[in-house]
C-alpha cells in the first residue's frame, strides 16, 4: 500500500497551493488501531500505518503546541537555513511554514531533515519539498547521536533555525553532544523547541539543564546567548507543554 500523502503529492492532489497541516491530517490521520505501537509518541515509527496513527492520535496536540508558541516568534529577514531534528514525518517544519506563510519557504536556502526512520523521512522529504516547490530538502537518515560534524557543517553565515518538535524531552540521546554539533558553525542561531511538559523520563528538566549549560561562563568565547525564553503553557485538551526560544551568536567553533 502506498503512502497516502506521498501519493497525493505525486499526483498533485496536494500541491504548493493547498498543502497544510490540516489537509495532510484530513488525508492521512487515520485510526489504524495501532496506538500502543507509538510508545506514547516516542517510538521509532516504521510503517505508513503508524505515521497515520501518529497524525490521528498526536497531530492536534502537536499543532496546538506550535500554534501557541509561534505567534511570539520573530524570524530574521532574507535567506536562512533550517534543520529539523528527529523530524518524524516533518510536522514541525509543516507547522512553521503554515504559520509564516508561503514567503518563508521561498527564503529557505537549505533545509536538513534528520530522522532515523526511513519511512518517516521519506514522507517528511516529500512534504517539505512540496512546500518549497523544489527538490531541495537534504535528508540525513540517522539517530541524533550518530550525527557527525560533517553532517552539520555548512558554508556561509546565514541565520540558522533549529527545530526540535517533541524531541528535547526524550532520553535516548546525548543532548549536550547534539547542541555542540548544532553550534559548530559561526553565525546567528535560533532554537525553536516544543515538547510535552512532564517531570519523568527526561522531561522538561532537559530544557532548563541545557539552558544552564549554554550560559556557563566557560562557553563565552564560543557562543554568546542573546536571548533565551522557556515558557510553560497548556495546549489542546489542557495538555501541559513547554517551549524554548533560544537565540545565540556562535563566535567560533566549539572549544
Foldseek 3Di string as FASTA:
>chain_A
DDQQLLVCLVVVVPFQVDDALVVVLVRQQDPPVPVVQCVVVPDADADSNVLSPCCNPPVQVLLQQCVVPPVVDDDDDAAEEEEEAQCQLNSQVRSVCVVVDLVVLCRYPEYEYEHQHPVSQVNNQSSSCRSNVHNGYHYHNDHLQPDDLVNLDDDDAGEYEYEAEQHQQAQPHDPVVSVLSNQQDFYKYKYKYKHFADDPNRHPVSLVVVVVVCPDPVCVQFKDWPDKDKDWDATPPRTIMIIIITMMGGNHRGD
